[in-house]
Amino acid sequence: MGQRTVLVTAHTGREAALRSARFVAERLMTAGIAVRTLAGEFSSPGAEEVPVGAGAAEGAEFVIVLGGDGTLLRAAEFSRPAQVPLIGVNLGHVGFLAEAEPDGLADTVDHLVAGEYAVQERMTIDVTVRANREVLASTWALNEATVEKAARERMIEVITEVDGRPLSRWGCDGVVCSTPTGSTAYGFSAGGPVVWPEVEALLMVPISAHALFAPPMVVSPRSVLAIELIVASETSGAVLWCDGRRKVDLPAGARIEVRRGALPVLLALVQAPGARVGNFTDRLVAKFGLPVAGWRGRTWEDTGKHA
C-alpha cells in the first residue's frame, strides 16, 4: 500500500484560512501523510505543489478545504472527476457544506489521520444548453443551475418542462434547478423547500414569477427538467450560472436541460469511533440559529414510561 496523500486547499483572500491551511499541512506531514497544495495558494515546507486543474486531486485520499462554501464548490471541480471526498473547515459565514469549525481543527485532523470518517455521496446535476438543436455547453452543479435575467430592469420569459411535457409559462427573474444539497442555498433564498440530503430529488424554484401557478416543485431524481427561453419575447438576455461559478450566456430560444449528474460529489464526515454521522437537523439549527429552547424530546425514554 502506497503512502497516504491529502490535498489541502484554502481561500487565498483570507489570512486566517492560509494560517489554518499551513497548520493542517504541518500536522498531516508530522503524522506521515504526504501533502499536496495548489500552485499559487500557499507554501508549506515538505508539501508538493501541483497545478490547479482536474488532476490535482487524482490519487489523494481526501481534500481538506479551508474557507466558506464558495471555496468548497471550487474544490469540488477537481475532486468530483477524481471521486475523492472533500471535507470543509468553515472559515466563511454560514458554511453549510463545511463539516468542521476552526476551533476544533486539530481534533478534526487527528480523526482524519486515524481514518475516523465516513464518506457521503451528494447528488449533482448535469446541465446541457442547446440552441437550434446544437449543444452550446455541457456543465454540472452540486448546488444549483440558475437561469436568470442578464439585466436588472427586464424580466425573462420562459416555458418550463418536466419529463418532456410543458408545465407553465412564466415571466420571471429566473428559475433555480437545485439538488437537495443546494436546497439551503439559492433555492432557499428564492422560497424553495429545505430538502434533507438523503432525499433523492430535483427541485425547480421560480424567482419572482408573474404567474398564477409558480410554486416551488420537487420531482423525481429520474426526471428531466427543461427551461426554454421564449424567442419572441422583448425581454433582455439571460445567463446560466452553475454553483455561482460557471457562466453561460444564453441566446434567445435557448433550451436548458437539467438531469441527475453522472458523478456525485463525495463529502467526508468526521466520525469518532461509536459516534453517528452528523445530523442534518442539528446542522440546520446551528447554521440558521433556529430557536429550540423549551424542546422536551422523547421524555418517556428517560422516565421508563411509554406513550
Protein backbone atom coordinates (compact mmCIF):
# COMPACT_ATOMS: atom_id res chain seq x y z
CA MET A 1 0.00 0.00 0.00
CA GLY A 2 1.40 3.40 -1.03
CA GLN A 3 1.79 6.46 1.12
CA ARG A 4 -1.39 8.29 2.04
CA THR A 5 -1.76 11.65 0.28
CA VAL A 6 -4.02 14.58 1.09
CA LEU A 7 -4.66 17.76 -0.91
CA VAL A 8 -5.02 20.91 1.21
CA THR A 9 -6.63 24.00 -0.35
CA ALA A 10 -7.71 27.33 1.12
CA HIS A 11 -9.39 30.68 0.45
CA THR A 12 -6.41 32.75 -0.62
CA GLY A 13 -8.11 36.04 0.25
CA ARG A 14 -8.31 35.23 3.96
CA GLU A 15 -5.14 35.19 6.01
CA ALA A 16 -6.88 33.09 8.69
CA ALA A 17 -7.58 30.41 6.09
CA LEU A 18 -3.96 30.38 4.94
CA ARG A 19 -2.67 30.13 8.52
CA SER A 20 -5.06 27.26 9.18
CA ALA A 21 -4.02 25.56 5.95
CA ARG A 22 -0.34 25.67 6.96
CA PHE A 23 -1.25 24.26 10.38
CA VAL A 24 -3.21 21.40 8.76
CA ALA A 25 -0.42 20.62 6.30
CA GLU A 26 2.23 20.50 9.04
CA ARG A 27 0.07 18.30 11.27
CA LEU A 28 -0.63 15.86 8.44
CA MET A 29 3.05 15.62 7.45
CA THR A 30 4.05 15.11 11.08
CA ALA A 31 1.67 12.11 11.05
CA GLY A 32 3.47 10.71 8.00
CA ILE A 33 0.92 11.74 5.38
CA ALA A 34 2.07 13.33 2.12
CA VAL A 35 0.52 16.74 1.44
CA ARG A 36 -0.25 18.47 -1.84
CA THR A 37 -1.02 22.16 -2.20
CA LEU A 38 -2.30 24.06 -5.23
CA ALA A 39 0.15 26.25 -7.11
CA GLY A 40 -0.09 29.88 -6.08
CA GLU A 41 -2.16 29.30 -2.91
CA PHE A 42 0.27 28.83 -0.03
CA SER A 43 3.58 27.10 0.61
CA SER A 44 4.40 24.61 3.32
CA PRO A 45 7.88 23.04 3.71
CA GLY A 46 7.77 19.43 2.56
CA ALA A 47 4.46 19.72 0.67
CA GLU A 48 4.21 19.02 -3.06
CA GLU A 49 2.84 21.90 -5.13
CA VAL A 50 0.57 20.79 -8.00
CA PRO A 51 -1.09 22.74 -10.83
CA VAL A 52 -4.70 23.80 -10.41
CA GLY A 53 -6.86 21.54 -12.55
CA ALA A 54 -8.79 18.32 -12.88
CA GLY A 55 -5.77 16.19 -11.95
CA ALA A 56 -4.95 17.99 -8.70
CA ALA A 57 -6.85 15.52 -6.51
CA GLU A 58 -6.09 12.37 -8.52
CA GLY A 59 -4.87 9.61 -6.20
CA ALA A 60 -5.45 11.62 -3.00
CA GLU A 61 -7.31 10.07 -0.06
CA PHE A 62 -9.33 13.23 0.53
CA VAL A 63 -9.24 17.00 0.07
CA ILE A 64 -9.31 19.40 3.04
CA VAL A 65 -10.84 22.76 2.16
CA LEU A 66 -10.41 25.78 4.44
CA GLY A 67 -12.83 28.61 3.67
CA GLY A 68 -16.53 29.07 3.01
CA ASP A 69 -18.95 27.23 0.75
CA GLY A 70 -17.59 29.04 -2.29
CA THR A 71 -14.12 27.63 -1.65
CA LEU A 72 -15.58 24.14 -1.26
CA LEU A 73 -17.56 24.47 -4.50
CA ARG A 74 -14.33 25.44 -6.24
CA ALA A 75 -12.56 22.39 -4.80
CA ALA A 76 -15.42 20.17 -5.99
CA GLU A 77 -14.42 20.99 -9.57
CA PHE A 78 -11.31 18.82 -9.26
CA SER A 79 -12.40 16.38 -6.52
CA ARG A 80 -15.50 15.24 -8.44
CA PRO A 81 -13.75 13.82 -11.55
CA ALA A 82 -11.25 12.05 -9.26
CA GLN A 83 -14.08 10.83 -6.96
CA VAL A 84 -12.10 11.96 -3.92
CA PRO A 85 -14.04 13.09 -0.83
CA LEU A 86 -13.98 16.70 0.39
CA ILE A 87 -14.00 17.87 3.97
CA GLY A 88 -14.67 21.56 4.56
CA VAL A 89 -13.48 23.65 7.50
CA ASN A 90 -15.80 26.66 7.78
CA LEU A 91 -13.96 29.97 7.76
CA GLY A 92 -16.77 31.79 5.97
CA HIS A 93 -20.24 32.90 7.06
CA VAL A 94 -22.88 30.16 7.10
CA GLY A 95 -20.64 27.43 5.69
CA PHE A 96 -23.44 24.93 5.16
CA LEU A 97 -21.26 22.45 3.26
CA ALA A 98 -18.44 22.55 5.79
CA GLU A 99 -18.10 19.68 8.22
CA ALA A 100 -15.74 21.25 10.74
CA GLU A 101 -15.27 24.56 12.55
CA PRO A 102 -11.86 26.17 13.10
CA ASP A 103 -11.88 25.82 16.90
CA GLY A 104 -11.84 22.03 16.52
CA LEU A 105 -9.30 21.92 13.71
CA ALA A 106 -6.63 19.84 15.50
CA ASP A 107 -9.19 17.21 16.53
CA THR A 108 -10.61 17.12 13.00
CA VAL A 109 -7.18 16.45 11.51
CA ASP A 110 -6.44 13.77 14.11
CA HIS A 111 -9.71 11.97 13.31
CA LEU A 112 -8.89 12.07 9.60
CA VAL A 113 -5.38 10.76 10.21
CA ALA A 114 -6.88 7.89 12.23
CA GLY A 115 -9.31 7.12 9.40
CA GLU A 116 -12.24 8.06 11.61
CA TYR A 117 -14.51 9.47 8.94
CA ALA A 118 -17.43 8.38 6.81
CA VAL A 119 -17.97 9.25 3.15
CA GLN A 120 -21.34 10.56 1.98
CA GLU A 121 -22.44 10.86 -1.64
CA ARG A 122 -24.10 14.12 -2.64
CA MET A 123 -26.19 14.11 -5.78
CA THR A 124 -25.20 16.51 -8.56
CA ILE A 125 -26.92 17.70 -11.73
CA ASP A 126 -25.70 17.65 -15.31
CA VAL A 127 -26.74 20.64 -17.39
CA THR A 128 -26.94 20.87 -21.19
CA VAL A 129 -27.58 24.07 -23.14
CA ARG A 130 -28.95 23.75 -26.67
CA ALA A 131 -29.84 26.25 -29.38
CA ASN A 132 -31.15 25.26 -32.81
CA ARG A 133 -30.59 21.62 -31.76
CA GLU A 134 -26.87 22.22 -31.32
CA VAL A 135 -25.20 21.75 -27.94
CA LEU A 136 -23.74 25.09 -26.84
CA ALA A 137 -22.48 23.96 -23.43
CA SER A 138 -22.37 20.98 -21.10
CA THR A 139 -21.65 21.58 -17.43
CA TRP A 140 -22.72 20.45 -13.96
CA ALA A 141 -23.53 21.68 -10.45
CA LEU A 142 -23.52 20.46 -6.87
CA ASN A 143 -25.92 23.11 -5.55
CA GLU A 144 -27.93 24.54 -8.43
CA ALA A 145 -28.19 25.65 -12.03
CA THR A 146 -29.91 29.02 -12.34
CA VAL A 147 -31.32 30.61 -15.47
CA GLU A 148 -31.62 34.30 -14.72
CA LYS A 149 -32.03 37.66 -16.39
CA ALA A 150 -28.90 39.44 -17.50
CA ALA A 151 -30.25 42.97 -16.95
CA ARG A 152 -31.79 44.22 -13.72
CA GLU A 153 -34.63 46.20 -15.34
CA ARG A 154 -36.07 43.45 -17.56
CA MET A 155 -37.68 40.08 -16.92
CA ILE A 156 -37.11 36.93 -18.93
CA GLU A 157 -39.95 34.84 -20.31
CA VAL A 158 -39.64 31.08 -20.15
CA ILE A 159 -41.59 27.88 -20.64
CA THR A 160 -40.76 25.16 -18.14
CA GLU A 161 -40.96 21.45 -18.84
CA VAL A 162 -40.86 18.24 -16.81
CA ASP A 163 -40.20 14.88 -18.48
CA GLY A 164 -40.87 16.15 -21.97
CA ARG A 165 -44.21 17.81 -21.15
CA PRO A 166 -44.77 21.58 -20.85
CA LEU A 167 -45.58 22.77 -17.34
CA SER A 168 -46.10 26.54 -17.44
CA ARG A 169 -45.01 29.82 -18.99
CA TRP A 170 -43.55 32.42 -16.66
CA GLY A 171 -42.38 35.99 -16.86
CA CYS A 172 -39.80 35.97 -14.08
CA ASP A 173 -36.41 36.99 -12.81
CA GLY A 174 -35.18 33.42 -13.24
CA VAL A 175 -35.57 29.75 -12.40
CA VAL A 176 -33.46 27.70 -10.00
CA CYS A 177 -32.95 23.97 -10.65
CA SER A 178 -31.46 22.55 -7.48
CA THR A 179 -30.22 19.40 -5.81
CA PRO A 180 -31.17 18.60 -2.19
CA THR A 181 -27.71 19.88 -1.20
CA GLY A 182 -28.50 23.19 -2.91
CA SER A 183 -31.91 23.48 -1.26
CA THR A 184 -30.33 25.54 1.56
CA ALA A 185 -28.57 27.83 -0.93
CA TYR A 186 -30.10 29.94 -3.74
CA GLY A 187 -33.27 27.82 -3.85
CA PHE A 188 -33.91 28.54 -0.18
CA SER A 189 -33.46 32.28 -0.74
CA ALA A 190 -35.98 32.09 -3.60
CA GLY A 191 -38.61 30.48 -1.35
CA GLY A 192 -37.92 26.83 -2.07
CA PRO A 193 -38.20 23.98 0.46
CA VAL A 194 -35.36 22.61 2.56
CA VAL A 195 -34.71 19.02 1.48
CA TRP A 196 -32.67 16.63 3.61
CA PRO A 197 -29.52 15.45 1.76
CA GLU A 198 -30.53 11.78 1.95
CA VAL A 199 -33.64 12.52 -0.13
CA GLU A 200 -33.03 11.99 -3.83
CA ALA A 201 -34.94 14.60 -5.80
CA LEU A 202 -34.68 17.53 -8.19
CA LEU A 203 -36.10 20.95 -7.31
CA MET A 204 -37.44 23.67 -9.59
CA VAL A 205 -37.93 27.06 -7.93
CA PRO A 206 -39.10 30.14 -9.89
CA ILE A 207 -37.65 33.52 -8.91
CA SER A 208 -40.26 36.31 -8.66
CA ALA A 209 -42.54 34.77 -11.28
CA HIS A 210 -45.52 36.79 -12.53
CA ALA A 211 -47.90 33.84 -12.80
CA LEU A 212 -50.89 32.30 -11.07
CA PHE A 213 -49.15 28.93 -10.80
CA ALA A 214 -45.50 29.27 -9.82
CA PRO A 215 -44.82 27.22 -6.67
CA PRO A 216 -41.51 25.55 -5.88
CA MET A 217 -41.65 21.95 -7.09
CA VAL A 218 -39.92 18.73 -6.04
CA VAL A 219 -39.73 16.00 -8.68
CA SER A 220 -38.22 12.56 -9.13
CA PRO A 221 -34.43 12.28 -9.42
CA ARG A 222 -35.08 10.38 -12.65
CA SER A 223 -36.95 13.34 -14.17
CA VAL A 224 -35.52 15.73 -16.73
CA LEU A 225 -36.22 19.43 -16.19
CA ALA A 226 -36.07 21.87 -19.07
CA ILE A 227 -36.32 25.64 -19.40
CA GLU A 228 -36.88 27.24 -22.78
CA LEU A 229 -36.34 30.95 -23.39
CA ILE A 230 -39.16 32.46 -25.43
CA VAL A 231 -37.80 33.63 -28.79
CA ALA A 232 -40.44 36.28 -29.50
CA SER A 233 -40.31 38.00 -26.12
CA GLU A 234 -38.98 41.54 -25.87
CA THR A 235 -37.01 40.75 -22.76
CA SER A 236 -33.31 41.23 -22.25
CA GLY A 237 -30.81 38.40 -22.43
CA ALA A 238 -30.40 35.59 -19.95
CA VAL A 239 -27.48 33.76 -18.39
CA LEU A 240 -26.96 30.35 -16.86
CA TRP A 241 -24.99 30.11 -13.62
CA CYS A 242 -23.92 26.78 -12.14
CA ASP A 243 -22.99 26.97 -8.46
CA GLY A 244 -22.39 30.69 -8.99
CA ARG A 245 -19.07 29.77 -10.64
CA ARG A 246 -19.63 28.58 -14.21
CA LYS A 247 -21.44 31.02 -16.51
CA VAL A 248 -23.03 30.50 -19.94
CA ASP A 249 -24.57 33.39 -21.91
CA LEU A 250 -27.92 32.23 -23.30
CA PRO A 251 -29.24 33.29 -26.70
CA ALA A 252 -32.96 33.79 -27.33
CA GLY A 253 -34.63 30.43 -27.86
CA ALA A 254 -32.02 28.53 -25.83
CA ARG A 255 -33.10 25.32 -24.12
CA ILE A 256 -31.52 24.30 -20.81
CA GLU A 257 -31.90 20.66 -19.73
CA VAL A 258 -31.17 19.50 -16.19
CA ARG A 259 -30.88 15.88 -15.10
CA ARG A 260 -29.26 13.87 -12.34
CA GLY A 261 -25.48 14.05 -12.57
CA ALA A 262 -23.47 11.06 -13.72
CA LEU A 263 -20.97 11.60 -10.89
CA PRO A 264 -21.75 12.56 -7.29
CA VAL A 265 -19.60 14.79 -5.10
CA LEU A 266 -18.18 12.91 -2.12
CA LEU A 267 -18.09 14.58 1.30
CA ALA A 268 -16.04 13.25 4.21
CA LEU A 269 -17.75 13.48 7.59
CA VAL A 270 -15.68 13.15 10.75
CA GLN A 271 -16.87 10.15 12.72
CA ALA A 272 -15.28 9.23 16.04
CA PRO A 273 -15.48 5.53 16.98
CA GLY A 274 -19.03 4.66 18.02
CA ALA A 275 -20.40 8.09 17.05
CA ARG A 276 -23.09 8.69 14.47
CA VAL A 277 -22.57 10.83 11.39
CA GLY A 278 -23.58 14.46 11.90
CA ASN A 279 -27.32 15.09 11.95
CA PHE A 280 -28.74 17.43 9.31
CA THR A 281 -31.42 18.74 11.69
CA ASP A 282 -28.71 19.79 14.15
CA ARG A 283 -26.86 21.48 11.30
CA LEU A 284 -29.96 23.47 10.31
CA VAL A 285 -30.44 24.65 13.89
CA ALA A 286 -26.78 25.63 14.27
CA LYS A 287 -26.31 27.33 10.90
CA PHE A 288 -29.57 29.31 10.93
CA GLY A 289 -29.64 29.95 14.68
CA LEU A 290 -33.10 28.37 14.96
CA PRO A 291 -34.95 28.73 18.31
CA VAL A 292 -35.30 25.35 20.04
CA ALA A 293 -35.47 26.44 23.70
CA GLY A 294 -38.20 24.52 25.52
CA TRP A 295 -37.82 21.34 23.50
CA ARG A 296 -38.50 18.32 25.73
CA GLY A 297 -37.97 15.48 23.28
CA ARG A 298 -38.79 11.86 23.98
CA THR A 299 -39.12 12.30 27.73
CA TRP A 300 -40.76 8.92 28.27
CA GLU A 301 -37.48 7.21 27.29
CA ASP A 302 -35.79 8.87 30.28
CA THR A 303 -38.52 8.01 32.77
CA GLY A 304 -39.25 4.49 31.57
CA LYS A 305 -42.84 5.44 30.75
CA HIS A 306 -44.44 4.72 27.39
CA ALA A 307 -46.78 7.00 25.46
